[in-house]
C-alpha atoms as a PDB file:
ATOM      1  CA  UNK A   1     -76.326 -10.981  18.477  1.00  0.00           C
ATOM      2  CA  UNK A   2     -74.124  -8.357  17.444  1.00  0.00           C
ATOM      3  CA  UNK A   3     -72.490  -6.667  14.509  1.00  0.00           C
ATOM      4  CA  UNK A   4     -69.468  -8.605  15.084  1.00  0.00           C
ATOM      5  CA  UNK A   5     -71.596 -11.719  14.492  1.00  0.00           C
ATOM      6  CA  UNK A   6     -72.904 -10.412  11.386  1.00  0.00           C
ATOM      7  CA  UNK A   7     -69.412  -9.344  10.156  1.00  0.00           C
ATOM      8  CA  UNK A   8     -68.202 -13.106  11.021  1.00  0.00           C
ATOM      9  CA  UNK A   9     -71.335 -14.268   8.870  1.00  0.00           C
ATOM     10  CA  UNK A  10     -70.200 -11.987   6.258  1.00  0.00           C
ATOM     11  CA  UNK A  11     -66.653 -12.922   6.050  1.00  0.00           C
ATOM     12  CA  UNK A  12     -67.287 -16.821   6.308  1.00  0.00           C
ATOM     13  CA  UNK A  13     -70.109 -16.716   3.653  1.00  0.00           C
ATOM     14  CA  UNK A  14     -70.135 -13.789   1.300  1.00  0.00           C
ATOM     15  CA  UNK A  15     -66.390 -12.432   1.201  1.00  0.00           C
ATOM     16  CA  UNK A  16     -63.785 -14.255  -1.272  1.00  0.00           C
ATOM     17  CA  UNK A  17     -60.782 -13.047  -2.370  1.00  0.00           C
ATOM     18  CA  UNK A  18     -58.646 -13.562  -5.638  1.00  0.00           C
ATOM     19  CA  UNK A  19     -59.350 -12.320  -9.186  1.00  0.00           C
ATOM     20  CA  UNK A  20     -62.983 -11.389 -10.132  1.00  0.00           C
ATOM     21  CA  UNK A  21     -64.692  -9.466 -12.865  1.00  0.00           C
ATOM     22  CA  UNK A  22     -67.373  -7.267 -11.171  1.00  0.00           C
ATOM     23  CA  UNK A  23     -70.721  -6.146 -12.768  1.00  0.00           C
ATOM     24  CA  UNK A  24     -69.047  -3.014 -13.482  1.00  0.00           C
ATOM     25  CA  UNK A  25     -66.462  -4.791 -15.888  1.00  0.00           C
ATOM     26  CA  UNK A  26     -63.794  -3.727 -13.388  1.00  0.00           C
ATOM     27  CA  UNK A  27     -61.298  -6.657 -12.134  1.00  0.00           C
ATOM     28  CA  UNK A  28     -61.078  -6.755  -8.493  1.00  0.00           C
ATOM     29  CA  UNK A  29     -59.224  -8.975  -5.804  1.00  0.00           C
ATOM     30  CA  UNK A  30     -62.285  -8.974  -3.541  1.00  0.00           C
ATOM     31  CA  UNK A  31     -65.864 -10.382  -4.326  1.00  0.00           C
ATOM     32  CA  UNK A  32     -68.485  -9.936  -1.941  1.00  0.00           C
ATOM     33  CA  UNK A  33     -71.916 -11.804  -2.578  1.00  0.00           C
ATOM     34  CA  UNK A  34     -74.143 -10.633   0.419  1.00  0.00           C
ATOM     35  CA  UNK A  35     -76.958 -12.344  -0.669  1.00  0.00           C
ATOM     36  CA  UNK A  36     -75.443 -15.502   0.637  1.00  0.00           C
ATOM     37  CA  UNK A  37     -75.627 -13.958   4.207  1.00  0.00           C
ATOM     38  CA  UNK A  38     -78.939 -12.142   3.788  1.00  0.00           C
ATOM     39  CA  UNK A  39     -80.634 -15.246   2.720  1.00  0.00           C
ATOM     40  CA  UNK A  40     -79.223 -17.144   5.870  1.00  0.00           C
ATOM     41  CA  UNK A  41     -82.157 -17.060   8.628  1.00  0.00           C
ATOM     42  CA  UNK A  42     -79.451 -15.967  11.158  1.00  0.00           C
ATOM     43  CA  UNK A  43     -77.792 -13.295   8.738  1.00  0.00           C
ATOM     44  CA  UNK A  44     -81.213 -12.152   7.754  1.00  0.00           C
ATOM     45  CA  UNK A  45     -81.952 -11.643  11.488  1.00  0.00           C
ATOM     46  CA  UNK A  46     -78.877 -10.008  12.063  1.00  0.00           C
ATOM     47  CA  UNK A  47     -79.374  -7.486   9.175  1.00  0.00           C
ATOM     48  CA  UNK A  48     -82.749  -6.759  10.270  1.00  0.00           C
ATOM     49  CA  UNK A  49     -81.971  -5.848  13.885  1.00  0.00           C
ATOM     50  CA  UNK A  50     -78.581  -3.956  13.095  1.00  0.00           C
ATOM     51  CA  UNK A  51     -79.922  -2.501   9.833  1.00  0.00           C
ATOM     52  CA  UNK A  52     -83.129  -1.240  11.710  1.00  0.00           C
ATOM     53  CA  UNK A  53     -81.124   0.103  14.529  1.00  0.00           C
ATOM     54  CA  UNK A  54     -79.010   2.178  12.181  1.00  0.00           C
ATOM     55  CA  UNK A  55     -81.909   3.412  10.352  1.00  0.00           C
ATOM     56  CA  UNK A  56     -83.960   4.123  13.336  1.00  0.00           C
ATOM     57  CA  UNK A  57     -80.991   6.223  14.731  1.00  0.00           C
ATOM     58  CA  UNK A  58     -80.876   8.127  11.403  1.00  0.00           C
ATOM     59  CA  UNK A  59     -84.477   8.606  11.262  1.00  0.00           C
ATOM     60  CA  UNK A  60     -84.759  10.096  14.703  1.00  0.00           C
ATOM     61  CA  UNK A  61     -81.609  12.052  14.688  1.00  0.00           C
ATOM     62  CA  UNK A  62     -82.684  13.728  11.592  1.00  0.00           C
ATOM     63  CA  UNK A  63     -86.528  13.766  12.333  1.00  0.00           C
ATOM     64  CA  UNK A  64     -87.248  12.085   9.262  1.00  0.00           C
ATOM     65  CA  UNK A  65     -90.514  10.612   8.276  1.00  0.00           C
ATOM     66  CA  UNK A  66     -89.940   7.209   6.191  1.00  0.00           C
ATOM     67  CA  UNK A  67     -92.726   5.448   4.364  1.00  0.00           C
ATOM     68  CA  UNK A  68     -90.985   2.651   2.809  1.00  0.00           C
ATOM     69  CA  UNK A  69     -87.456   0.655   2.283  1.00  0.00           C
ATOM     70  CA  UNK A  70     -86.360  -0.960  -1.018  1.00  0.00           C
ATOM     71  CA  UNK A  71     -84.050  -0.832  -3.805  1.00  0.00           C
ATOM     72  CA  UNK A  72     -82.973  -2.775  -7.121  1.00  0.00           C
ATOM     73  CA  UNK A  73     -83.982  -6.775  -7.004  1.00  0.00           C
ATOM     74  CA  UNK A  74     -82.491  -9.027  -6.089  1.00  0.00           C
ATOM     75  CA  UNK A  75     -79.396  -7.557  -3.696  1.00  0.00           C
ATOM     76  CA  UNK A  76     -81.856  -5.137  -1.738  1.00  0.00           C
ATOM     77  CA  UNK A  77     -84.645  -7.287  -1.329  1.00  0.00           C
ATOM     78  CA  UNK A  78     -83.988  -9.799   1.446  1.00  0.00           C
ATOM     79  CA  UNK A  79     -82.184  -6.874   3.080  1.00  0.00           C
ATOM     80  CA  UNK A  80     -85.081  -4.422   2.745  1.00  0.00           C
ATOM     81  CA  UNK A  81     -87.661  -7.210   4.103  1.00  0.00           C
ATOM     82  CA  UNK A  82     -85.582  -8.147   7.092  1.00  0.00           C
ATOM     83  CA  UNK A  83     -85.492  -4.390   7.982  1.00  0.00           C
ATOM     84  CA  UNK A  84     -89.177  -3.857   7.451  1.00  0.00           C
ATOM     85  CA  UNK A  85     -90.070  -7.097   9.588  1.00  0.00           C
ATOM     86  CA  UNK A  86     -87.759  -5.743  12.439  1.00  0.00           C
ATOM     87  CA  UNK A  87     -89.396  -2.554  12.345  1.00  0.00           C
ATOM     88  CA  UNK A  88     -92.725  -3.891  12.551  1.00  0.00           C
ATOM     89  CA  UNK A  89     -91.990  -6.449  15.299  1.00  0.00           C
ATOM     90  CA  UNK A  90     -89.910  -3.989  17.433  1.00  0.00           C
ATOM     91  CA  UNK A  91     -91.726  -0.491  16.925  1.00  0.00           C
ATOM     92  CA  UNK A  92     -95.082  -1.010  15.084  1.00  0.00           C
ATOM     93  CA  UNK A  93     -95.801   2.409  15.367  1.00  0.00           C
ATOM     94  CA  UNK A  94     -92.627   3.345  13.156  1.00  0.00           C
ATOM     95  CA  UNK A  95     -93.027   0.462  11.014  1.00  0.00           C
ATOM     96  CA  UNK A  96     -91.909   1.077   7.387  1.00  0.00           C
ATOM     97  CA  UNK A  97     -93.256  -0.869   4.208  1.00  0.00           C
ATOM     98  CA  UNK A  98     -90.963  -2.826   1.757  1.00  0.00           C
ATOM     99  CA  UNK A  99     -90.874  -2.490  -2.026  1.00  0.00           C
ATOM    100  CA  UNK A 100     -88.474  -3.578  -4.699  1.00  0.00           C
ATOM    101  CA  UNK A 101     -87.154  -2.168  -8.060  1.00  0.00           C
ATOM    102  CA  UNK A 102     -87.378  -3.918 -11.120  1.00  0.00           C
ATOM    103  CA  UNK A 103     -84.354  -3.933 -13.536  1.00  0.00           C
ATOM    104  CA  UNK A 104     -86.809  -2.796 -16.393  1.00  0.00           C
ATOM    105  CA  UNK A 105     -90.469  -2.223 -16.005  1.00  0.00           C
ATOM    106  CA  UNK A 106     -92.613  -5.246 -16.274  1.00  0.00           C
ATOM    107  CA  UNK A 107     -93.781  -6.257 -19.804  1.00  0.00           C
ATOM    108  CA  UNK A 108     -97.112  -6.930 -18.919  1.00  0.00           C
ATOM    109  CA  UNK A 109     -99.902  -6.144 -16.212  1.00  0.00           C
ATOM    110  CA  UNK A 110     -99.665  -2.561 -15.134  1.00  0.00           C
ATOM    111  CA  UNK A 111     -96.166  -2.304 -16.624  1.00  0.00           C
ATOM    112  CA  UNK A 112     -94.808  -1.378 -13.052  1.00  0.00           C
ATOM    113  CA  UNK A 113     -91.174  -0.976 -12.353  1.00  0.00           C
ATOM    114  CA  UNK A 114     -91.666  -0.350  -8.674  1.00  0.00           C
ATOM    115  CA  UNK A 115     -93.513  -3.391  -7.095  1.00  0.00           C
ATOM    116  CA  UNK A 116     -94.796  -3.820  -3.317  1.00  0.00           C
ATOM    117  CA  UNK A 117     -95.510  -1.301  -0.941  1.00  0.00           C
ATOM    118  CA  UNK A 118     -94.577   2.045  -2.686  1.00  0.00           C
ATOM    119  CA  UNK A 119     -96.635   4.882  -3.965  1.00  0.00           C
ATOM    120  CA  UNK A 120     -95.988   8.540  -5.645  1.00  0.00           C
ATOM    121  CA  UNK A 121     -94.793  11.021  -2.735  1.00  0.00           C
ATOM    122  CA  UNK A 122     -93.429   8.342  -0.477  1.00  0.00           C
ATOM    123  CA  UNK A 123     -90.226   9.360   1.254  1.00  0.00           C
ATOM    124  CA  UNK A 124     -87.846   6.103   1.177  1.00  0.00           C
ATOM    125  CA  UNK A 125     -84.867   4.751   2.003  1.00  0.00           C
ATOM    126  CA  UNK A 126     -82.919   3.090  -1.093  1.00  0.00           C
ATOM    127  CA  UNK A 127     -81.186  -0.135  -0.280  1.00  0.00           C
ATOM    128  CA  UNK A 128     -77.971  -1.754  -1.892  1.00  0.00           C
ATOM    129  CA  UNK A 129     -76.415  -4.779  -0.682  1.00  0.00           C
ATOM    130  CA  UNK A 130     -72.634  -3.839  -2.055  1.00  0.00           C
ATOM    131  CA  UNK A 131     -71.762  -0.549  -3.592  1.00  0.00           C
ATOM    132  CA  UNK A 132     -68.969  -0.330  -5.801  1.00  0.00           C
ATOM    133  CA  UNK A 133     -69.610   2.466  -8.455  1.00  0.00           C
ATOM    134  CA  UNK A 134     -73.079   3.121  -7.069  1.00  0.00           C
ATOM    135  CA  UNK A 135     -74.460   2.230 -10.796  1.00  0.00           C
ATOM    136  CA  UNK A 136     -77.046  -0.189  -9.517  1.00  0.00           C
ATOM    137  CA  UNK A 137     -78.202   2.093  -6.406  1.00  0.00           C
ATOM    138  CA  UNK A 138     -78.194   5.015  -8.875  1.00  0.00           C
ATOM    139  CA  UNK A 139     -80.476   3.078 -11.292  1.00  0.00           C
ATOM    140  CA  UNK A 140     -82.893   2.428  -8.398  1.00  0.00           C
ATOM    141  CA  UNK A 141     -82.772   6.359  -7.284  1.00  0.00           C
ATOM    142  CA  UNK A 142     -83.596   6.996 -10.882  1.00  0.00           C
ATOM    143  CA  UNK A 143     -86.876   4.842 -11.134  1.00  0.00           C
ATOM    144  CA  UNK A 144     -87.669   5.781  -7.499  1.00  0.00           C
ATOM    145  CA  UNK A 145     -87.630   9.559  -8.606  1.00  0.00           C
ATOM    146  CA  UNK A 146     -89.321   9.050 -11.798  1.00  0.00           C
ATOM    147  CA  UNK A 147     -92.083   7.068 -10.201  1.00  0.00           C
ATOM    148  CA  UNK A 148     -92.606  10.543  -7.780  1.00  0.00           C
ATOM    149  CA  UNK A 149     -90.813   9.051  -4.707  1.00  0.00           C
ATOM    150  CA  UNK A 150     -88.244  10.837  -2.526  1.00  0.00           C
ATOM    151  CA  UNK A 151     -84.973   9.499  -1.496  1.00  0.00           C
ATOM    152  CA  UNK A 152     -84.270  10.319   2.294  1.00  0.00           C
ATOM    153  CA  UNK A 153     -80.879   8.447   2.262  1.00  0.00           C
ATOM    154  CA  UNK A 154     -79.223   5.108   0.888  1.00  0.00           C
ATOM    155  CA  UNK A 155     -78.441   2.054   3.191  1.00  0.00           C
ATOM    156  CA  UNK A 156     -75.773  -0.271   1.754  1.00  0.00           C
ATOM    157  CA  UNK A 157     -74.824  -3.501   3.829  1.00  0.00           C
ATOM    158  CA  UNK A 158     -71.043  -3.172   2.403  1.00  0.00           C
ATOM    159  CA  UNK A 159     -69.419  -0.107   0.686  1.00  0.00           C
ATOM    160  CA  UNK A 160     -66.262  -1.463  -1.300  1.00  0.00           C
ATOM    161  CA  UNK A 161     -64.877   1.949  -0.977  1.00  0.00           C
ATOM    162  CA  UNK A 162     -64.423   2.299  -4.815  1.00  0.00           C
ATOM    163  CA  UNK A 163     -66.415   5.589  -5.477  1.00  0.00           C
ATOM    164  CA  UNK A 164     -69.744   4.516  -5.227  1.00  0.00           C
ATOM    165  CA  UNK A 165     -70.660   6.249  -1.867  1.00  0.00           C
ATOM    166  CA  UNK A 166     -69.137   9.531  -3.504  1.00  0.00           C
ATOM    167  CA  UNK A 167     -71.187   8.783  -6.921  1.00  0.00           C
ATOM    168  CA  UNK A 168     -74.338   8.593  -4.886  1.00  0.00           C
ATOM    169  CA  UNK A 169     -73.637  11.450  -2.505  1.00  0.00           C
ATOM    170  CA  UNK A 170     -73.146  13.688  -5.569  1.00  0.00           C
ATOM    171  CA  UNK A 171     -76.660  13.298  -6.139  1.00  0.00           C
ATOM    172  CA  UNK A 172     -77.128  14.726  -3.126  1.00  0.00           C
ATOM    173  CA  UNK A 173     -78.247  11.467  -1.401  1.00  0.00           C
ATOM    174  CA  UNK A 174     -76.426  10.447   1.993  1.00  0.00           C
ATOM    175  CA  UNK A 175     -75.001   7.104   2.265  1.00  0.00           C
ATOM    176  CA  UNK A 176     -75.463   5.043   5.344  1.00  0.00           C
ATOM    177  CA  UNK A 177     -73.171   2.087   5.160  1.00  0.00           C
ATOM    178  CA  UNK A 178     -73.169  -0.845   7.827  1.00  0.00           C
ATOM    179  CA  UNK A 179     -69.602  -1.912   6.698  1.00  0.00           C
ATOM    180  CA  UNK A 180     -66.891  -0.630   4.508  1.00  0.00           C
ATOM    181  CA  UNK A 181     -64.134  -2.823   3.004  1.00  0.00           C
ATOM    182  CA  UNK A 182     -61.857  -1.265   5.847  1.00  0.00           C
ATOM    183  CA  UNK A 183     -64.205  -2.194   8.563  1.00  0.00           C
ATOM    184  CA  UNK A 184     -65.050  -5.897   6.981  1.00  0.00           C
ATOM    185  CA  UNK A 185     -61.425  -6.859   6.429  1.00  0.00           C
END
């Protein structure tokens, strides 16, 4: 299994052309729903393998110590979990924990906005499935930083190449995209 196999699944299951209104309110000729691929057992395994290889290379080349991986629910959840599971299976000594960021703090219990394996002081990778403007990734970054987390870099499955990468990098957070609009299409 390879990046070409994951690309084929993304193109078959997740990429649609036509006229669409995006979460940002912008109209686009392209709609990408990565959840369909990320929730497919083969797609999830490929995301785990390819994502972990890319993350591990970045960690090693930059000498990073990463505690956890996660992002805004729901798009980031299956991607983060697939990569975390692959890290545990392939490199138990380098395993990274997984968390999720709620859109709003929970209205009961401990009132947390970040759930799972995250604690103040952790250095994390923030994940998103698709970036267009970068808005949802930046919202996750704000929540993580407000909870005392440090962002090493952002990992996205697909960069639509519509300014999101630049908006995230303007915050001083490098973006690692597994695919971009131009490499996917």
